Full PDB file with SEQRES, HELIX, SHEET, SSBOND, CRYST1, ORIGX, SCALE, CONECT and MASTER records, all heavy atoms in Angstrom:
SEQRES   1 A   42  THR ILE GLU ASP ASP VAL ILE ILE TYR ALA ASN THR THR          
SEQRES   2 A   42  ILE LEU GLY GLY ASP THR VAL ILE GLY ARG GLY SER VAL          
SEQRES   3 A   42  ILE GLY GLY ASN ILE TRP LEU THR GLU SER VAL GLU ALA          
SEQRES   4 A   42  GLY THR ARG                                                  
SHEET    1 AA1 2 ILE A   7  ILE A   8  0                                        
SHEET    2 AA1 2 VAL A  26  ILE A  27  1                                        
SHEET    1 AA2 2 THR A  13  ILE A  14  0                                        
SHEET    2 AA2 2 TRP A  32  LEU A  33  1                                        
CRYST1    1.000    1.000    1.000  90.00  90.00  90.00 P 1           1          
ORIGX1      1.000000  0.000000  0.000000        0.00000                         
ORIGX2      0.000000  1.000000  0.000000        0.00000                         
ORIGX3      0.000000  0.000000  1.000000        0.00000                         
SCALE1      1.000000  0.000000  0.000000        0.00000                         
SCALE2      0.000000  1.000000  0.000000        0.00000                         
SCALE3      0.000000  0.000000  1.000000        0.00000                         
ATOM      1  N   THR A   1      55.822 142.530  82.851  1.00  0.00           N  
ATOM      2  CA  THR A   1      55.288 142.618  81.506  1.00  0.00           C  
ATOM      3  C   THR A   1      56.247 141.906  80.566  1.00  0.00           C  
ATOM      4  O   THR A   1      57.454 142.179  80.572  1.00  0.00           O  
ATOM      5  CB  THR A   1      55.126 144.088  81.076  1.00  0.00           C  
ATOM      6  OG1 THR A   1      54.139 144.706  81.907  1.00  0.00           O  
ATOM      7  CG2 THR A   1      54.684 144.188  79.615  1.00  0.00           C  
ATOM      8  N   ILE A   2      55.711 140.992  79.784  1.00  0.00           N  
ATOM      9  CA  ILE A   2      56.521 140.247  78.808  1.00  0.00           C  
ATOM     10  C   ILE A   2      56.032 140.662  77.427  1.00  0.00           C  
ATOM     11  O   ILE A   2      54.879 140.410  77.052  1.00  0.00           O  
ATOM     12  CB  ILE A   2      56.342 138.724  78.991  1.00  0.00           C  
ATOM     13  CG1 ILE A   2      56.497 138.312  80.461  1.00  0.00           C  
ATOM     14  CG2 ILE A   2      57.305 137.972  78.088  1.00  0.00           C  
ATOM     15  CD1 ILE A   2      57.821 138.616  81.068  1.00  0.00           C  
ATOM     16  N   GLU A   3      56.889 141.309  76.662  1.00  0.00           N  
ATOM     17  CA  GLU A   3      56.467 141.808  75.359  1.00  0.00           C  
ATOM     18  C   GLU A   3      56.464 140.699  74.306  1.00  0.00           C  
ATOM     19  O   GLU A   3      56.787 139.557  74.591  1.00  0.00           O  
ATOM     20  CB  GLU A   3      57.360 142.991  74.945  1.00  0.00           C  
ATOM     21  CG  GLU A   3      57.192 144.198  75.868  1.00  0.00           C  
ATOM     22  CD  GLU A   3      57.981 145.419  75.413  1.00  0.00           C  
ATOM     23  OE1 GLU A   3      58.890 145.269  74.550  1.00  0.00           O  
ATOM     24  OE2 GLU A   3      57.708 146.536  75.926  1.00  0.00           O  
ATOM     25  N   ASP A   4      56.081 141.054  73.067  1.00  0.00           N  
ATOM     26  CA  ASP A   4      55.909 140.078  71.996  1.00  0.00           C  
ATOM     27  C   ASP A   4      57.189 139.276  71.712  1.00  0.00           C  
ATOM     28  O   ASP A   4      58.304 139.784  71.874  1.00  0.00           O  
ATOM     29  CB  ASP A   4      55.496 140.771  70.698  1.00  0.00           C  
ATOM     30  CG  ASP A   4      54.152 141.454  70.794  1.00  0.00           C  
ATOM     31  OD1 ASP A   4      53.422 141.240  71.799  1.00  0.00           O  
ATOM     32  OD2 ASP A   4      53.810 142.231  69.865  1.00  0.00           O  
ATOM     33  N   ASP A   5      56.995 138.043  71.272  1.00  0.00           N  
ATOM     34  CA  ASP A   5      58.075 137.202  70.704  1.00  0.00           C  
ATOM     35  C   ASP A   5      59.180 136.897  71.699  1.00  0.00           C  
ATOM     36  O   ASP A   5      60.350 136.737  71.312  1.00  0.00           O  
ATOM     37  CB  ASP A   5      58.661 137.876  69.444  1.00  0.00           C  
ATOM     38  CG  ASP A   5      57.599 138.173  68.411  1.00  0.00           C  
ATOM     39  OD1 ASP A   5      56.797 137.269  68.095  1.00  0.00           O  
ATOM     40  OD2 ASP A   5      57.539 139.330  67.925  1.00  0.00           O  
ATOM     41  N   VAL A   6      58.840 136.793  72.961  1.00  0.00           N  
ATOM     42  CA  VAL A   6      59.839 136.477  74.005  1.00  0.00           C  
ATOM     43  C   VAL A   6      59.816 134.967  74.286  1.00  0.00           C  
ATOM     44  O   VAL A   6      58.765 134.334  74.281  1.00  0.00           O  
ATOM     45  CB  VAL A   6      59.553 137.275  75.285  1.00  0.00           C  
ATOM     46  CG1 VAL A   6      60.390 136.758  76.463  1.00  0.00           C  
ATOM     47  CG2 VAL A   6      59.805 138.761  75.055  1.00  0.00           C  
ATOM     48  N   ILE A   7      60.996 134.410  74.535  1.00  0.00           N  
ATOM     49  CA  ILE A   7      61.125 133.015  74.977  1.00  0.00           C  
ATOM     50  C   ILE A   7      61.766 133.026  76.363  1.00  0.00           C  
ATOM     51  O   ILE A   7      62.786 133.682  76.583  1.00  0.00           O  
ATOM     52  CB  ILE A   7      61.993 132.187  74.021  1.00  0.00           C  
ATOM     53  CG1 ILE A   7      61.381 132.170  72.617  1.00  0.00           C  
ATOM     54  CG2 ILE A   7      62.159 130.759  74.539  1.00  0.00           C  
ATOM     55  CD1 ILE A   7      62.262 131.493  71.582  1.00  0.00           C  
ATOM     56  N   ILE A   8      61.151 132.290  77.309  1.00  0.00           N  
ATOM     57  CA  ILE A   8      61.690 132.180  78.658  1.00  0.00           C  
ATOM     58  C   ILE A   8      61.864 130.711  78.972  1.00  0.00           C  
ATOM     59  O   ILE A   8      60.903 129.937  78.999  1.00  0.00           O  
ATOM     60  CB  ILE A   8      60.750 132.841  79.692  1.00  0.00           C  
ATOM     61  CG1 ILE A   8      60.478 134.313  79.300  1.00  0.00           C  
ATOM     62  CG2 ILE A   8      61.354 132.773  81.088  1.00  0.00           C  
ATOM     63  CD1 ILE A   8      59.463 134.999  80.192  1.00  0.00           C  
ATOM     64  N   TYR A   9      63.104 130.315  79.225  1.00  0.00           N  
ATOM     65  CA  TYR A   9      63.418 128.899  79.428  1.00  0.00           C  
ATOM     66  C   TYR A   9      63.196 128.454  80.884  1.00  0.00           C  
ATOM     67  O   TYR A   9      62.871 129.253  81.752  1.00  0.00           O  
ATOM     68  CB  TYR A   9      64.846 128.612  78.968  1.00  0.00           C  
ATOM     69  CG  TYR A   9      64.944 128.551  77.453  1.00  0.00           C  
ATOM     70  CD1 TYR A   9      65.330 129.661  76.700  1.00  0.00           C  
ATOM     71  CD2 TYR A   9      64.594 127.388  76.778  1.00  0.00           C  
ATOM     72  CE1 TYR A   9      65.397 129.599  75.318  1.00  0.00           C  
ATOM     73  CE2 TYR A   9      64.665 127.322  75.374  1.00  0.00           C  
ATOM     74  CZ  TYR A   9      65.057 128.428  74.659  1.00  0.00           C  
ATOM     75  OH  TYR A   9      65.105 128.368  73.289  1.00  0.00           O  
ATOM     76  N   ALA A  10      63.387 127.155  81.117  1.00  0.00           N  
ATOM     77  CA  ALA A  10      62.917 126.483  82.314  1.00  0.00           C  
ATOM     78  C   ALA A  10      63.505 127.073  83.604  1.00  0.00           C  
ATOM     79  O   ALA A  10      64.668 127.483  83.673  1.00  0.00           O  
ATOM     80  CB  ALA A  10      63.269 124.992  82.237  1.00  0.00           C  
ATOM     81  N   ASN A  11      62.645 127.086  84.623  1.00  0.00           N  
ATOM     82  CA  ASN A  11      63.018 127.435  86.013  1.00  0.00           C  
ATOM     83  C   ASN A  11      63.517 128.854  86.180  1.00  0.00           C  
ATOM     84  O   ASN A  11      64.262 129.151  87.127  1.00  0.00           O  
ATOM     85  CB  ASN A  11      64.044 126.415  86.541  1.00  0.00           C  
ATOM     86  CG  ASN A  11      63.537 125.014  86.524  1.00  0.00           C  
ATOM     87  OD1 ASN A  11      62.394 124.760  86.889  1.00  0.00           O  
ATOM     88  ND2 ASN A  11      64.359 124.084  86.056  1.00  0.00           N  
ATOM     89  N   THR A  12      63.090 129.730  85.289  1.00  0.00           N  
ATOM     90  CA  THR A  12      63.460 131.141  85.413  1.00  0.00           C  
ATOM     91  C   THR A  12      62.379 131.888  86.189  1.00  0.00           C  
ATOM     92  O   THR A  12      61.182 131.622  86.030  1.00  0.00           O  
ATOM     93  CB  THR A  12      63.692 131.754  84.044  1.00  0.00           C  
ATOM     94  OG1 THR A  12      64.975 131.369  83.578  1.00  0.00           O  
ATOM     95  CG2 THR A  12      63.607 133.274  84.066  1.00  0.00           C  
ATOM     96  N   THR A  13      62.804 132.818  87.027  1.00  0.00           N  
ATOM     97  CA  THR A  13      61.896 133.633  87.837  1.00  0.00           C  
ATOM     98  C   THR A  13      62.065 135.096  87.454  1.00  0.00           C  
ATOM     99  O   THR A  13      63.177 135.626  87.476  1.00  0.00           O  
ATOM    100  CB  THR A  13      62.196 133.447  89.334  1.00  0.00           C  
ATOM    101  OG1 THR A  13      61.943 132.080  89.697  1.00  0.00           O  
ATOM    102  CG2 THR A  13      61.312 134.346  90.189  1.00  0.00           C  
ATOM    103  N   ILE A  14      60.953 135.750  87.110  1.00  0.00           N  
ATOM    104  CA  ILE A  14      60.969 137.164  86.762  1.00  0.00           C  
ATOM    105  C   ILE A  14      59.937 137.839  87.653  1.00  0.00           C  
ATOM    106  O   ILE A  14      58.754 137.461  87.662  1.00  0.00           O  
ATOM    107  CB  ILE A  14      60.623 137.379  85.266  1.00  0.00           C  
ATOM    108  CG1 ILE A  14      61.635 136.625  84.397  1.00  0.00           C  
ATOM    109  CG2 ILE A  14      60.619 138.859  84.930  1.00  0.00           C  
ATOM    110  CD1 ILE A  14      61.317 136.673  82.910  1.00  0.00           C  
ATOM    111  N   LEU A  15      60.377 138.833  88.412  1.00  0.00           N  
ATOM    112  CA  LEU A  15      59.529 139.431  89.440  1.00  0.00           C  
ATOM    113  C   LEU A  15      59.399 140.941  89.276  1.00  0.00           C  
ATOM    114  O   LEU A  15      60.315 141.602  88.783  1.00  0.00           O  
ATOM    115  CB  LEU A  15      60.121 139.141  90.828  1.00  0.00           C  
ATOM    116  CG  LEU A  15      60.397 137.687  91.204  1.00  0.00           C  
ATOM    117  CD1 LEU A  15      61.008 137.627  92.596  1.00  0.00           C  
ATOM    118  CD2 LEU A  15      59.139 136.854  91.128  1.00  0.00           C  
ATOM    119  N   GLY A  16      58.250 141.456  89.724  1.00  0.00           N  
ATOM    120  CA  GLY A  16      58.073 142.902  89.858  1.00  0.00           C  
ATOM    121  C   GLY A  16      57.180 143.548  88.833  1.00  0.00           C  
ATOM    122  O   GLY A  16      57.270 143.231  87.647  1.00  0.00           O  
ATOM    123  N   GLY A  17      56.331 144.450  89.283  1.00  0.00           N  
ATOM    124  CA  GLY A  17      55.409 145.124  88.394  1.00  0.00           C  
ATOM    125  C   GLY A  17      56.051 146.095  87.433  1.00  0.00           C  
ATOM    126  O   GLY A  17      55.459 146.438  86.396  1.00  0.00           O  
ATOM    127  N   ASP A  18      57.257 146.569  87.756  1.00  0.00           N  
ATOM    128  CA  ASP A  18      57.960 147.498  86.859  1.00  0.00           C  
ATOM    129  C   ASP A  18      58.922 146.780  85.908  1.00  0.00           C  
ATOM    130  O   ASP A  18      59.561 147.426  85.082  1.00  0.00           O  
ATOM    131  CB  ASP A  18      58.748 148.525  87.685  1.00  0.00           C  
ATOM    132  CG  ASP A  18      57.830 149.423  88.501  1.00  0.00           C  
ATOM    133  OD1 ASP A  18      56.703 149.703  88.043  1.00  0.00           O  
ATOM    134  OD2 ASP A  18      58.226 149.829  89.626  1.00  0.00           O  
ATOM    135  N   THR A  19      59.019 145.481  86.034  1.00  0.00           N  
ATOM    136  CA  THR A  19      59.953 144.712  85.200  1.00  0.00           C  
ATOM    137  C   THR A  19      59.341 144.448  83.841  1.00  0.00           C  
ATOM    138  O   THR A  19      58.226 143.915  83.739  1.00  0.00           O  
ATOM    139  CB  THR A  19      60.292 143.367  85.885  1.00  0.00           C  
ATOM    140  OG1 THR A  19      60.838 143.642  87.179  1.00  0.00           O  
ATOM    141  CG2 THR A  19      61.285 142.589  85.064  1.00  0.00           C  
ATOM    142  N   VAL A  20      60.071 144.834  82.782  1.00  0.00           N  
ATOM    143  CA  VAL A  20      59.592 144.647  81.412  1.00  0.00           C  
ATOM    144  C   VAL A  20      60.652 143.860  80.643  1.00  0.00           C  
ATOM    145  O   VAL A  20      61.820 144.253  80.602  1.00  0.00           O  
ATOM    146  CB  VAL A  20      59.341 145.996  80.720  1.00  0.00           C  
ATOM    147  CG1 VAL A  20      58.900 145.779  79.268  1.00  0.00           C  
ATOM    148  CG2 VAL A  20      58.282 146.806  81.481  1.00  0.00           C  
ATOM    149  N   ILE A  21      60.246 142.759  80.052  1.00  0.00           N  
ATOM    150  CA  ILE A  21      61.138 141.976  79.188  1.00  0.00           C  
ATOM    151  C   ILE A  21      60.835 142.403  77.747  1.00  0.00           C  
ATOM    152  O   ILE A  21      59.750 142.158  77.242  1.00  0.00           O  
ATOM    153  CB  ILE A  21      60.914 140.469  79.381  1.00  0.00           C  
ATOM    154  CG1 ILE A  21      61.062 140.076  80.844  1.00  0.00           C  
ATOM    155  CG2 ILE A  21      61.894 139.693  78.513  1.00  0.00           C  
ATOM    156  CD1 ILE A  21      62.376 140.469  81.481  1.00  0.00           C  
ATOM    157  N   GLY A  22      61.800 143.072  77.131  1.00  0.00           N  
ATOM    158  CA  GLY A  22      61.597 143.687  75.823  1.00  0.00           C  
ATOM    159  C   GLY A  22      61.324 142.698  74.712  1.00  0.00           C  
ATOM    160  O   GLY A  22      61.723 141.528  74.779  1.00  0.00           O  
ATOM    161  N   ARG A  23      60.687 143.168  73.704  1.00  0.00           N  
ATOM    162  CA  ARG A  23      60.280 142.348  72.553  1.00  0.00           C  
ATOM    163  C   ARG A  23      61.451 141.567  71.973  1.00  0.00           C  
ATOM    164  O   ARG A  23      62.550 142.078  71.799  1.00  0.00           O  
ATOM    165  CB  ARG A  23      59.685 143.263  71.498  1.00  0.00           C  
ATOM    166  CG  ARG A  23      59.257 142.543  70.236  1.00  0.00           C  
ATOM    167  CD  ARG A  23      58.502 143.450  69.326  1.00  0.00           C  
ATOM    168  NE  ARG A  23      58.002 142.727  68.157  1.00  0.00           N  
ATOM    169  CZ  ARG A  23      56.962 143.100  67.419  1.00  0.00           C  
ATOM    170  NH1 ARG A  23      56.333 144.226  67.728  1.00  0.00           N  
ATOM    171  NH2 ARG A  23      56.564 142.385  66.404  1.00  0.00           N  
ATOM    172  N   GLY A  24      61.184 140.289  71.658  1.00  0.00           N  
ATOM    173  CA  GLY A  24      62.174 139.469  71.013  1.00  0.00           C  
ATOM    174  C   GLY A  24      63.311 138.996  71.892  1.00  0.00           C  
ATOM    175  O   GLY A  24      64.270 138.384  71.397  1.00  0.00           O  
ATOM    176  N   SER A  25      63.208 139.202  73.192  1.00  0.00           N  
ATOM    177  CA  SER A  25      64.286 138.751  74.092  1.00  0.00           C  
ATOM    178  C   SER A  25      64.227 137.270  74.337  1.00  0.00           C  
ATOM    179  O   SER A  25      63.172 136.637  74.215  1.00  0.00           O  
ATOM    180  CB  SER A  25      64.197 139.506  75.427  1.00  0.00           C  
ATOM    181  OG  SER A  25      64.471 140.884  75.257  1.00  0.00           O  
ATOM    182  N   VAL A  26      65.351 136.701  74.717  1.00  0.00           N  
ATOM    183  CA  VAL A  26      65.442 135.295  75.100  1.00  0.00           C  
ATOM    184  C   VAL A  26      66.055 135.251  76.502  1.00  0.00           C  
ATOM    185  O   VAL A  26      67.174 135.734  76.712  1.00  0.00           O  
ATOM    186  CB  VAL A  26      66.312 134.487  74.123  1.00  0.00           C  
ATOM    187  CG1 VAL A  26      66.450 133.042  74.610  1.00  0.00           C  
ATOM    188  CG2 VAL A  26      65.718 134.511  72.715  1.00  0.00           C  
ATOM    189  N   ILE A  27      65.332 134.673  77.437  1.00  0.00           N  
ATOM    190  CA  ILE A  27      65.807 134.569  78.811  1.00  0.00           C  
ATOM    191  C   ILE A  27      66.122 133.104  79.087  1.00  0.00           C  
ATOM    192  O   ILE A  27      65.250 132.240  78.990  1.00  0.00           O  
ATOM    193  CB  ILE A  27      64.742 135.068  79.816  1.00  0.00           C  
ATOM    194  CG1 ILE A  27      64.188 136.435  79.385  1.00  0.00           C  
ATOM    195  CG2 ILE A  27      65.336 135.106  81.208  1.00  0.00           C  
ATOM    196  CD1 ILE A  27      65.209 137.529  79.317  1.00  0.00           C  
ATOM    197  N   GLY A  28      67.363 132.818  79.400  1.00  0.00           N  
ATOM    198  CA  GLY A  28      67.797 131.436  79.570  1.00  0.00           C  
ATOM    199  C   GLY A  28      67.242 130.793  80.826  1.00  0.00           C  
ATOM    200  O   GLY A  28      66.525 131.422  81.615  1.00  0.00           O  
ATOM    201  N   GLY A  29      67.567 129.518  81.025  1.00  0.00           N  
ATOM    202  CA  GLY A  29      67.073 128.784  82.179  1.00  0.00           C  
ATOM    203  C   GLY A  29      67.760 129.167  83.466  1.00  0.00           C  
ATOM    204  O   GLY A  29      68.903 129.645  83.475  1.00  0.00           O  
ATOM    205  N   ASN A  30      67.037 128.992  84.580  1.00  0.00           N  
ATOM    206  CA  ASN A  30      67.578 129.207  85.937  1.00  0.00           C  
ATOM    207  C   ASN A  30      68.046 130.645  86.181  1.00  0.00           C  
ATOM    208  O   ASN A  30      68.973 130.889  86.956  1.00  0.00           O  
ATOM    209  CB  ASN A  30      68.737 128.227  86.202  1.00  0.00           C  
ATOM    210  CG  ASN A  30      68.289 126.797  86.127  1.00  0.00           C  
ATOM    211  OD1 ASN A  30      67.427 126.347  86.856  1.00  0.00           O  
ATOM    212  ND2 ASN A  30      68.866 126.060  85.174  1.00  0.00           N  
ATOM    213  N   ILE A  31      67.372 131.587  85.529  1.00  0.00           N  
ATOM    214  CA  ILE A  31      67.694 133.018  85.711  1.00  0.00           C  
ATOM    215  C   ILE A  31      66.762 133.609  86.766  1.00  0.00           C  
ATOM    216  O   ILE A  31      65.598 133.227  86.876  1.00  0.00           O  
ATOM    217  CB  ILE A  31      67.520 133.777  84.371  1.00  0.00           C  
ATOM    218  CG1 ILE A  31      68.407 133.178  83.280  1.00  0.00           C  
ATOM    219  CG2 ILE A  31      67.777 135.255  84.549  1.00  0.00           C  
ATOM    220  CD1 ILE A  31      69.863 133.408  83.482  1.00  0.00           C  
ATOM    221  N   TRP A  32      67.290 134.581  87.517  1.00  0.00           N  
ATOM    222  CA  TRP A  32      66.477 135.340  88.482  1.00  0.00           C  
ATOM    223  C   TRP A  32      66.565 136.797  88.068  1.00  0.00           C  
ATOM    224  O   TRP A  32      67.626 137.404  88.105  1.00  0.00           O  
ATOM    225  CB  TRP A  32      67.028 135.133  89.887  1.00  0.00           C  
ATOM    226  CG  TRP A  32      66.275 135.867  90.959  1.00  0.00           C  
ATOM    227  CD1 TRP A  32      66.367 137.174  91.280  1.00  0.00           C  
ATOM    228  CD2 TRP A  32      65.301 135.317  91.855  1.00  0.00           C  
ATOM    229  NE1 TRP A  32      65.520 137.494  92.309  1.00  0.00           N  
ATOM    230  CE2 TRP A  32      64.860 136.360  92.683  1.00  0.00           C  
ATOM    231  CE3 TRP A  32      64.777 134.041  92.034  1.00  0.00           C  
ATOM    232  CZ2 TRP A  32      63.906 136.180  93.711  1.00  0.00           C  
ATOM    233  CZ3 TRP A  32      63.829 133.859  93.041  1.00  0.00           C  
ATOM    234  CH2 TRP A  32      63.393 134.910  93.864  1.00  0.00           C  
ATOM    235  N   LEU A  33      65.427 137.374  87.664  1.00  0.00           N  
ATOM    236  CA  LEU A  33      65.395 138.759  87.156  1.00  0.00           C  
ATOM    237  C   LEU A  33      64.412 139.603  87.929  1.00  0.00           C  
ATOM    238  O   LEU A  33      63.248 139.223  88.101  1.00  0.00           O  
ATOM    239  CB  LEU A  33      64.990 138.775  85.678  1.00  0.00           C  
ATOM    240  CG  LEU A  33      66.065 138.657  84.599  1.00  0.00           C  
ATOM    241  CD1 LEU A  33      65.403 138.702  83.231  1.00  0.00           C  
ATOM    242  CD2 LEU A  33      67.081 139.805  84.712  1.00  0.00           C  
ATOM    243  N   THR A  34      64.868 140.758  88.371  1.00  0.00           N  
ATOM    244  CA  THR A  34      63.985 141.726  89.015  1.00  0.00           C  
ATOM    245  C   THR A  34      64.127 143.108  88.360  1.00  0.00           C  
ATOM    246  O   THR A  34      63.725 144.112  88.940  1.00  0.00           O  
ATOM    247  CB  THR A  34      64.280 141.847  90.518  1.00  0.00           C  
ATOM    248  OG1 THR A  34      65.641 142.220  90.707  1.00  0.00           O  
ATOM    249  CG2 THR A  34      64.002 140.532  91.221  1.00  0.00           C  
ATOM    250  N   GLU A  35      64.721 143.138  87.173  1.00  0.00           N  
ATOM    251  CA  GLU A  35      64.883 144.402  86.473  1.00  0.00           C  
ATOM    252  C   GLU A  35      64.595 144.192  84.989  1.00  0.00           C  
ATOM    253  O   GLU A  35      64.651 143.069  84.470  1.00  0.00           O  
ATOM    254  CB  GLU A  35      66.293 144.945  86.656  1.00  0.00           C  
ATOM    255  CG  GLU A  35      67.375 143.996  86.200  1.00  0.00           C  
ATOM    256  CD  GLU A  35      68.765 144.470  86.588  1.00  0.00           C  
ATOM    257  OE1 GLU A  35      68.899 145.208  87.568  1.00  0.00           O  
ATOM    258  OE2 GLU A  35      69.717 144.100  85.854  1.00  0.00           O  
ATOM    259  N   SER A  36      64.271 145.278  84.310  1.00  0.00           N  
ATOM    260  CA  SER A  36      63.872 145.197  82.899  1.00  0.00           C  
ATOM    261  C   SER A  36      65.078 144.901  82.000  1.00  0.00           C  
ATOM    262  O   SER A  36      66.233 145.174  82.362  1.00  0.00           O  
ATOM    263  CB  SER A  36      63.227 146.516  82.466  1.00  0.00           C  
ATOM    264  OG  SER A  36      62.068 146.772  83.221  1.00  0.00           O  
ATOM    265  N   VAL A  37      64.789 144.320  80.829  1.00  0.00           N  
ATOM    266  CA  VAL A  37      65.802 144.157  79.794  1.00  0.00           C  
ATOM    267  C   VAL A  37      65.268 144.734  78.485  1.00  0.00           C  
ATOM    268  O   VAL A  37      64.066 144.684  78.225  1.00  0.00           O  
ATOM    269  CB  VAL A  37      66.208 142.674  79.610  1.00  0.00           C  
ATOM    270  CG1 VAL A  37      66.769 142.098  80.894  1.00  0.00           C  
ATOM    271  CG2 VAL A  37      65.029 141.836  79.141  1.00  0.00           C  
ATOM    272  N   GLU A  38      66.171 145.282  77.693  1.00  0.00           N  
ATOM    273  CA  GLU A  38      65.760 145.924  76.444  1.00  0.00           C  
ATOM    274  C   GLU A  38      65.346 144.900  75.396  1.00  0.00           C  
ATOM    275  O   GLU A  38      65.675 143.711  75.494  1.00  0.00           O  
ATOM    276  CB  GLU A  38      66.925 146.782  75.900  1.00  0.00           C  
ATOM    277  CG  GLU A  38      67.309 147.924  76.796  1.00  0.00           C  
ATOM    278  CD  GLU A  38      68.454 148.752  76.231  1.00  0.00           C  
ATOM    279  OE1 GLU A  38      68.977 148.344  75.146  1.00  0.00           O  
ATOM    280  OE2 GLU A  38      68.826 149.753  76.830  1.00  0.00           O  
ATOM    281  N   ALA A  39      64.657 145.369  74.373  1.00  0.00           N  
ATOM    282  CA  ALA A  39      64.214 144.501  73.284  1.00  0.00           C  
ATOM    283  C   ALA A  39      65.424 143.785  72.649  1.00  0.00           C  
ATOM    284  O   ALA A  39      66.509 144.388  72.523  1.00  0.00           O  
ATOM    285  CB  ALA A  39      63.477 145.314  72.236  1.00  0.00           C  
ATOM    286  N   GLY A  40      65.254 142.542  72.287  1.00  0.00           N  
ATOM    287  CA  GLY A  40      66.299 141.794  71.609  1.00  0.00           C  
ATOM    288  C   GLY A  40      67.426 141.325  72.472  1.00  0.00           C  
ATOM    289  O   GLY A  40      68.456 140.871  71.982  1.00  0.00           O  
ATOM    290  N   THR A  41      67.258 141.370  73.798  1.00  0.00           N  
ATOM    291  CA  THR A  41      68.323 140.991  74.723  1.00  0.00           C  
ATOM    292  C   THR A  41      68.328 139.476  74.941  1.00  0.00           C  
ATOM    293  O   THR A  41      67.276 138.848  75.025  1.00  0.00           O  
ATOM    294  CB  THR A  41      68.135 141.695  76.079  1.00  0.00           C  
ATOM    295  OG1 THR A  41      68.131 143.112  75.868  1.00  0.00           O  
ATOM    296  CG2 THR A  41      69.242 141.330  77.059  1.00  0.00           C  
ATOM    297  N   ARG A  42      69.533 138.910  75.055  1.00  0.00           N  
ATOM    298  CA  ARG A  42      69.685 137.508  75.470  1.00  0.00           C  
ATOM    299  C   ARG A  42      70.298 137.505  76.867  1.00  0.00           C  
ATOM    300  O   ARG A  42      71.366 138.081  77.075  1.00  0.00           O  
ATOM    301  CB  ARG A  42      70.590 136.745  74.503  1.00  0.00           C  
ATOM    302  CG  ARG A  42      69.995 136.598  73.121  1.00  0.00           C  
ATOM    303  CD  ARG A  42      70.984 135.955  72.160  1.00  0.00           C  
ATOM    304  NE  ARG A  42      71.312 134.586  72.546  1.00  0.00           N  
ATOM    305  CZ  ARG A  42      70.598 133.518  72.166  1.00  0.00           C  
ATOM    306  NH1 ARG A  42      69.538 133.659  71.390  1.00  0.00           N  
ATOM    307  NH2 ARG A  42      70.964 132.292  72.531  1.00  0.00           N  
TER     308      ARG A  42                                                      
MASTER        0    0    0    0    4    0    0    6  307    1    0    4          
END                                                                             
């Protein structure tokens, strides 16, 4: 689940049904994520 106002940069992989990217977060390039991050996280 990707909440509002999120930016995800190139070649990033986010996996899993329980994974939530919090509102306003920025996920940089070439990241591998399988866990949630809180709102406003970089």
